[in-house]
Amino acid sequence: MKKLVFASVLFMSVFFAHAQVSINVNIGTPPSWGPQGYDDDRYYYLPDIDVYYDVNQSVFIYDNGGKWMREKRLPSRYRQYDLYSGYKVVLTDYRGDAPYTYHSKHRANYPKGYKGQPQKNRGEKPVKNKSQGKQKSDNKEKRNSSGKNNSHKSDKDHDHSQGNRR
């Protein structure tokens, strides 16, 4: 009987110990401007602006006067940069938390303007609808010219008599 209890305890402990072991790989979702086919890679290097992107943490990594910064948005000097059109070098051979360790190598191998194999983005570039803003201003002008919703009229131009006109 003791052997049976011992065997079942041993079996249960091995079973639960095995159930507790798990591997947690936190792979972030690549951005829509990221290149297709590299869903398992963590870093992109953007040679045109000399900036890294960490897919897992969804942050840009850039040199700020000798100190490496991690930010959700590009630094203000690069905010006009088109991430969809710019070339992304996928760092497939680096595993760690500091891709800038090899920054001088990356700058030498991938200078500004570098274009490697053609890339296709994971998603489409969002279209900014400039005509929508124009439609709003056109509608406002139409309302104003028809006399409705025009706040510039004086009180004497409005009928507040509730139907008792003379």
C-alpha atoms as a PDB file:
ATOM      1  CA  MET A   1       0.000   0.000   0.000  1.00  0.00           C
ATOM      2  CA  LYS A   2       2.836   2.363   0.874  1.00  0.00           C
ATOM      3  CA  LYS A   3       4.378   1.713  -2.521  1.00  0.00           C
ATOM      4  CA  LEU A   4       1.129   2.571  -4.274  1.00  0.00           C
ATOM      5  CA  VAL A   5       0.739   5.847  -2.335  1.00  0.00           C
ATOM      6  CA  PHE A   6       4.404   6.719  -2.937  1.00  0.00           C
ATOM      7  CA  ALA A   7       4.085   5.958  -6.647  1.00  0.00           C
ATOM      8  CA  SER A   8       0.932   8.060  -6.994  1.00  0.00           C
ATOM      9  CA  VAL A   9       2.501  10.984  -5.095  1.00  0.00           C
ATOM     10  CA  LEU A  10       5.587  10.730  -7.270  1.00  0.00           C
ATOM     11  CA  PHE A  11       3.471  10.579 -10.414  1.00  0.00           C
ATOM     12  CA  MET A  12       1.358  13.562  -9.349  1.00  0.00           C
ATOM     13  CA  SER A  13       4.402  15.650  -8.438  1.00  0.00           C
ATOM     14  CA  VAL A  14       6.049  14.906 -11.790  1.00  0.00           C
ATOM     15  CA  PHE A  15       2.790  15.630 -13.624  1.00  0.00           C
ATOM     16  CA  PHE A  16       2.192  18.962 -11.866  1.00  0.00           C
ATOM     17  CA  ALA A  17       5.839  19.975 -12.102  1.00  0.00           C
ATOM     18  CA  HIS A  18       5.707  19.314 -15.825  1.00  0.00           C
ATOM     19  CA  ALA A  19       2.458  21.293 -16.110  1.00  0.00           C
ATOM     20  CA  GLN A  20       4.072  24.278 -14.382  1.00  0.00           C
ATOM     21  CA  VAL A  21       6.918  24.535 -16.872  1.00  0.00           C
ATOM     22  CA  SER A  22       6.128  26.891 -19.700  1.00  0.00           C
ATOM     23  CA  ILE A  23       8.084  28.986 -22.106  1.00  0.00           C
ATOM     24  CA  ASN A  24       6.859  32.530 -22.407  1.00  0.00           C
ATOM     25  CA  VAL A  25       8.121  34.143 -25.583  1.00  0.00           C
ATOM     26  CA  ASN A  26       6.751  37.653 -25.750  1.00  0.00           C
ATOM     27  CA  ILE A  27       6.726  38.419 -29.440  1.00  0.00           C
ATOM     28  CA  GLY A  28       5.052  41.731 -30.155  1.00  0.00           C
ATOM     29  CA  THR A  29       2.913  42.356 -33.172  1.00  0.00           C
ATOM     30  CA  PRO A  30       4.963  43.853 -35.974  1.00  0.00           C
ATOM     31  CA  PRO A  31       3.695  47.260 -37.153  1.00  0.00           C
ATOM     32  CA  SER A  32       1.774  47.557 -40.426  1.00  0.00           C
ATOM     33  CA  TRP A  33       4.736  49.480 -41.897  1.00  0.00           C
ATOM     34  CA  GLY A  34       7.063  46.572 -41.047  1.00  0.00           C
ATOM     35  CA  PRO A  35       8.307  44.269 -43.805  1.00  0.00           C
ATOM     36  CA  GLN A  36       6.344  41.118 -44.606  1.00  0.00           C
ATOM     37  CA  GLY A  37       7.841  37.751 -43.761  1.00  0.00           C
ATOM     38  CA  TYR A  38       9.724  38.694 -40.596  1.00  0.00           C
ATOM     39  CA  ASP A  39       7.123  38.158 -37.879  1.00  0.00           C
ATOM     40  CA  ASP A  40       9.580  36.389 -35.555  1.00  0.00           C
ATOM     41  CA  ASP A  41      12.358  38.996 -35.659  1.00  0.00           C
ATOM     42  CA  ARG A  42      12.625  41.582 -32.928  1.00  0.00           C
ATOM     43  CA  TYR A  43      14.555  44.541 -34.407  1.00  0.00           C
ATOM     44  CA  TYR A  44      14.507  46.680 -37.523  1.00  0.00           C
ATOM     45  CA  TYR A  45      17.229  49.178 -38.357  1.00  0.00           C
ATOM     46  CA  LEU A  46      16.060  52.232 -40.313  1.00  0.00           C
ATOM     47  CA  PRO A  47      19.212  53.420 -42.113  1.00  0.00           C
ATOM     48  CA  ASP A  48      17.683  56.631 -43.508  1.00  0.00           C
ATOM     49  CA  ILE A  49      17.213  58.032 -40.011  1.00  0.00           C
ATOM     50  CA  ASP A  50      19.715  55.867 -38.071  1.00  0.00           C
ATOM     51  CA  VAL A  51      17.055  54.510 -35.696  1.00  0.00           C
ATOM     52  CA  TYR A  52      16.150  51.022 -34.447  1.00  0.00           C
ATOM     53  CA  TYR A  53      12.654  49.683 -33.845  1.00  0.00           C
ATOM     54  CA  ASP A  54      11.969  47.051 -31.170  1.00  0.00           C
ATOM     55  CA  VAL A  55       8.944  45.006 -32.257  1.00  0.00           C
ATOM     56  CA  ASN A  56       8.483  43.328 -28.847  1.00  0.00           C
ATOM     57  CA  GLN A  57       8.241  46.611 -26.962  1.00  0.00           C
ATOM     58  CA  SER A  58       6.833  48.713 -29.848  1.00  0.00           C
ATOM     59  CA  VAL A  59       9.448  51.415 -29.315  1.00  0.00           C
ATOM     60  CA  PHE A  60      11.966  53.302 -31.403  1.00  0.00           C
ATOM     61  CA  ILE A  61      15.555  53.289 -30.144  1.00  0.00           C
ATOM     62  CA  TYR A  62      17.745  56.235 -31.075  1.00  0.00           C
ATOM     63  CA  ASP A  63      20.942  57.968 -30.026  1.00  0.00           C
ATOM     64  CA  ASN A  64      20.340  61.224 -28.190  1.00  0.00           C
ATOM     65  CA  GLY A  65      23.729  62.808 -27.578  1.00  0.00           C
ATOM     66  CA  GLY A  66      25.415  59.534 -26.657  1.00  0.00           C
ATOM     67  CA  LYS A  67      22.490  58.139 -24.658  1.00  0.00           C
ATOM     68  CA  TRP A  68      20.222  55.528 -26.231  1.00  0.00           C
ATOM     69  CA  MET A  69      16.549  56.439 -25.805  1.00  0.00           C
ATOM     70  CA  ARG A  70      13.460  54.228 -26.145  1.00  0.00           C
ATOM     71  CA  GLU A  71      10.269  56.025 -27.157  1.00  0.00           C
ATOM     72  CA  LYS A  72       6.864  54.999 -28.525  1.00  0.00           C
ATOM     73  CA  ARG A  73       7.098  57.754 -31.149  1.00  0.00           C
ATOM     74  CA  LEU A  74       9.897  58.843 -33.411  1.00  0.00           C
ATOM     75  CA  PRO A  75      11.925  61.816 -32.179  1.00  0.00           C
ATOM     76  CA  SER A  76      10.461  65.118 -33.353  1.00  0.00           C
ATOM     77  CA  ARG A  77      13.232  65.617 -35.915  1.00  0.00           C
ATOM     78  CA  TYR A  78      12.006  62.471 -37.732  1.00  0.00           C
ATOM     79  CA  ARG A  79       8.224  62.818 -37.359  1.00  0.00           C
ATOM     80  CA  GLN A  80       7.832  63.618 -41.063  1.00  0.00           C
ATOM     81  CA  TYR A  81       9.701  60.430 -42.034  1.00  0.00           C
ATOM     82  CA  ASP A  82       7.523  57.983 -43.981  1.00  0.00           C
ATOM     83  CA  LEU A  83       7.897  54.600 -42.287  1.00  0.00           C
ATOM     84  CA  TYR A  84       5.985  52.897 -45.097  1.00  0.00           C
ATOM     85  CA  SER A  85       8.356  54.085 -47.833  1.00  0.00           C
ATOM     86  CA  GLY A  86      11.632  53.882 -45.931  1.00  0.00           C
ATOM     87  CA  TYR A  87      13.791  50.782 -46.087  1.00  0.00           C
ATOM     88  CA  LYS A  88      13.849  48.522 -43.025  1.00  0.00           C
ATOM     89  CA  VAL A  89      16.842  46.292 -42.350  1.00  0.00           C
ATOM     90  CA  VAL A  90      15.617  43.306 -40.331  1.00  0.00           C
ATOM     91  CA  LEU A  91      18.264  42.264 -37.803  1.00  0.00           C
ATOM     92  CA  THR A  92      17.877  38.492 -37.988  1.00  0.00           C
ATOM     93  CA  ASP A  93      21.197  37.648 -36.337  1.00  0.00           C
ATOM     94  CA  TYR A  94      20.872  39.543 -33.037  1.00  0.00           C
ATOM     95  CA  ARG A  95      19.331  38.253 -29.811  1.00  0.00           C
ATOM     96  CA  GLY A  96      19.464  40.627 -26.885  1.00  0.00           C
ATOM     97  CA  ASP A  97      18.183  43.938 -25.596  1.00  0.00           C
ATOM     98  CA  ALA A  98      20.697  46.381 -27.079  1.00  0.00           C
ATOM     99  CA  PRO A  99      20.916  46.217 -30.888  1.00  0.00           C
ATOM    100  CA  TYR A 100      22.950  49.424 -30.812  1.00  0.00           C
ATOM    101  CA  THR A 101      25.861  47.368 -29.480  1.00  0.00           C
ATOM    102  CA  TYR A 102      26.655  46.839 -33.176  1.00  0.00           C
ATOM    103  CA  HIS A 103      25.645  50.343 -34.235  1.00  0.00           C
ATOM    104  CA  SER A 104      28.928  51.186 -35.976  1.00  0.00           C
ATOM    105  CA  LYS A 105      28.671  47.929 -37.951  1.00  0.00           C
ATOM    106  CA  HIS A 106      25.058  48.668 -38.885  1.00  0.00           C
ATOM    107  CA  ARG A 107      25.898  52.220 -40.012  1.00  0.00           C
ATOM    108  CA  ALA A 108      28.780  50.939 -42.137  1.00  0.00           C
ATOM    109  CA  ASN A 109      26.807  48.078 -43.720  1.00  0.00           C
ATOM    110  CA  TYR A 110      23.568  50.035 -44.193  1.00  0.00           C
ATOM    111  CA  PRO A 111      24.331  53.719 -44.883  1.00  0.00           C
ATOM    112  CA  LYS A 112      21.644  56.370 -45.365  1.00  0.00           C
ATOM    113  CA  GLY A 113      19.768  55.631 -48.591  1.00  0.00           C
ATOM    114  CA  TYR A 114      20.526  51.886 -48.419  1.00  0.00           C
ATOM    115  CA  LYS A 115      18.139  49.681 -50.402  1.00  0.00           C
ATOM    116  CA  GLY A 116      18.477  45.915 -50.197  1.00  0.00           C
ATOM    117  CA  GLN A 117      16.051  43.345 -51.547  1.00  0.00           C
ATOM    118  CA  PRO A 118      12.629  44.808 -52.434  1.00  0.00           C
ATOM    119  CA  GLN A 119      10.275  44.875 -49.457  1.00  0.00           C
ATOM    120  CA  LYS A 120       6.553  44.725 -49.117  1.00  0.00           C
ATOM    121  CA  ASN A 121       4.938  46.190 -46.009  1.00  0.00           C
ATOM    122  CA  ARG A 122       2.704  44.063 -43.801  1.00  0.00           C
ATOM    123  CA  GLY A 123      -0.162  46.528 -44.234  1.00  0.00           C
ATOM    124  CA  GLU A 124      -1.319  49.367 -46.405  1.00  0.00           C
ATOM    125  CA  LYS A 125      -0.301  52.949 -45.793  1.00  0.00           C
ATOM    126  CA  PRO A 126      -3.222  54.874 -44.272  1.00  0.00           C
ATOM    127  CA  VAL A 127      -4.713  57.399 -46.674  1.00  0.00           C
ATOM    128  CA  LYS A 128      -5.286  60.867 -45.314  1.00  0.00           C
ATOM    129  CA  ASN A 129      -8.536  62.187 -46.722  1.00  0.00           C
ATOM    130  CA  LYS A 130      -7.827  65.823 -47.518  1.00  0.00           C
ATOM    131  CA  SER A 131     -11.136  66.204 -49.349  1.00  0.00           C
ATOM    132  CA  GLN A 132     -13.009  65.545 -46.091  1.00  0.00           C
ATOM    133  CA  GLY A 133     -11.689  68.771 -44.576  1.00  0.00           C
ATOM    134  CA  LYS A 134     -12.564  70.612 -47.781  1.00  0.00           C
ATOM    135  CA  GLN A 135     -16.125  69.226 -47.707  1.00  0.00           C
ATOM    136  CA  LYS A 136     -16.633  70.460 -44.160  1.00  0.00           C
ATOM    137  CA  SER A 137     -15.541  73.993 -45.038  1.00  0.00           C
ATOM    138  CA  ASP A 138     -17.647  73.916 -48.231  1.00  0.00           C
ATOM    139  CA  ASN A 139     -20.721  72.872 -46.238  1.00  0.00           C
ATOM    140  CA  LYS A 140     -20.119  75.653 -43.726  1.00  0.00           C
ATOM    141  CA  GLU A 141     -19.915  78.212 -46.531  1.00  0.00           C
ATOM    142  CA  LYS A 142     -23.154  76.868 -48.050  1.00  0.00           C
ATOM    143  CA  ARG A 143     -24.977  77.196 -44.714  1.00  0.00           C
ATOM    144  CA  ASN A 144     -23.677  80.721 -44.261  1.00  0.00           C
ATOM    145  CA  SER A 145     -24.715  81.823 -47.742  1.00  0.00           C
ATOM    146  CA  SER A 146     -28.233  80.414 -47.243  1.00  0.00           C
ATOM    147  CA  GLY A 147     -28.655  82.403 -44.041  1.00  0.00           C
ATOM    148  CA  LYS A 148     -28.934  79.354 -41.776  1.00  0.00           C
ATOM    149  CA  ASN A 149     -26.517  78.724 -38.937  1.00  0.00           C
ATOM    150  CA  ASN A 150     -24.919  82.118 -39.501  1.00  0.00           C
ATOM    151  CA  SER A 151     -23.939  83.480 -36.114  1.00  0.00           C
ATOM    152  CA  HIS A 152     -22.825  86.846 -37.520  1.00  0.00           C
ATOM    153  CA  LYS A 153     -26.356  88.225 -38.004  1.00  0.00           C
ATOM    154  CA  SER A 154     -27.575  90.788 -35.546  1.00  0.00           C
ATOM    155  CA  ASP A 155     -30.616  90.287 -33.306  1.00  0.00           C
ATOM    156  CA  LYS A 156     -32.765  92.578 -35.487  1.00  0.00           C
ATOM    157  CA  ASP A 157     -32.409  90.069 -38.365  1.00  0.00           C
ATOM    158  CA  HIS A 158     -33.956  87.282 -36.246  1.00  0.00           C
ATOM    159  CA  ASP A 159     -37.649  86.789 -35.571  1.00  0.00           C
ATOM    160  CA  HIS A 160     -38.112  86.042 -31.872  1.00  0.00           C
ATOM    161  CA  SER A 161     -41.834  86.738 -31.834  1.00  0.00           C
ATOM    162  CA  GLN A 162     -42.858  83.059 -32.067  1.00  0.00           C
ATOM    163  CA  GLY A 163     -45.152  83.655 -35.009  1.00  0.00           C
ATOM    164  CA  ASN A 164     -46.628  87.046 -34.023  1.00  0.00           C
ATOM    165  CA  ARG A 165     -45.258  89.007 -36.946  1.00  0.00           C
ATOM    166  CA  ARG A 166     -46.656  92.403 -37.790  1.00  0.00           C
END
